[in-house]
């Protein structure tokens, strides 16, 4: 399984960043690729036990990914796991650390593996790691921008 770890420092309170990161509408807004929630919890904040199906186009291919929020420890952590979708396995852990009253360290730990054995491992290494890192970095930049503009 491949693992990506990204760290983003955001000048906003941890509670705001945590809520933005698990908000369905913000997810749609920050991911691009015509991504949208099509089933399950399709609006508001995702909570433990919620299931959502996302539809997006990647590499010109329309894909659906269904994830379940399997753990929430507000405002420090949540975890989503693929229930159904293109990966053989996918787990995304989100960590939020209060640095100060208005500064948060957000860390993504994204674990994934492609189907089809050794061929999937080659695709992970040559293509998906770079693509998914860029996708997550773009989302994090957008979340940072929204969080830093917003006032409570």
Foldseek 3Di string as FASTA:
>chain_A
DDKDKDKDKAQAALQLLQQLVQFQVLCCVQQPQNKAWDDWPRGGGADAQTKTWIWGADPNRIWIWIWGFHDDDPPAKTKIWTPDTFFPTKIKIWGWDDPDRGMIMIMIMIDTFGPDPPVRVVCCVPPVVVVVVVSVVSSSVSSRVVRRVDDD
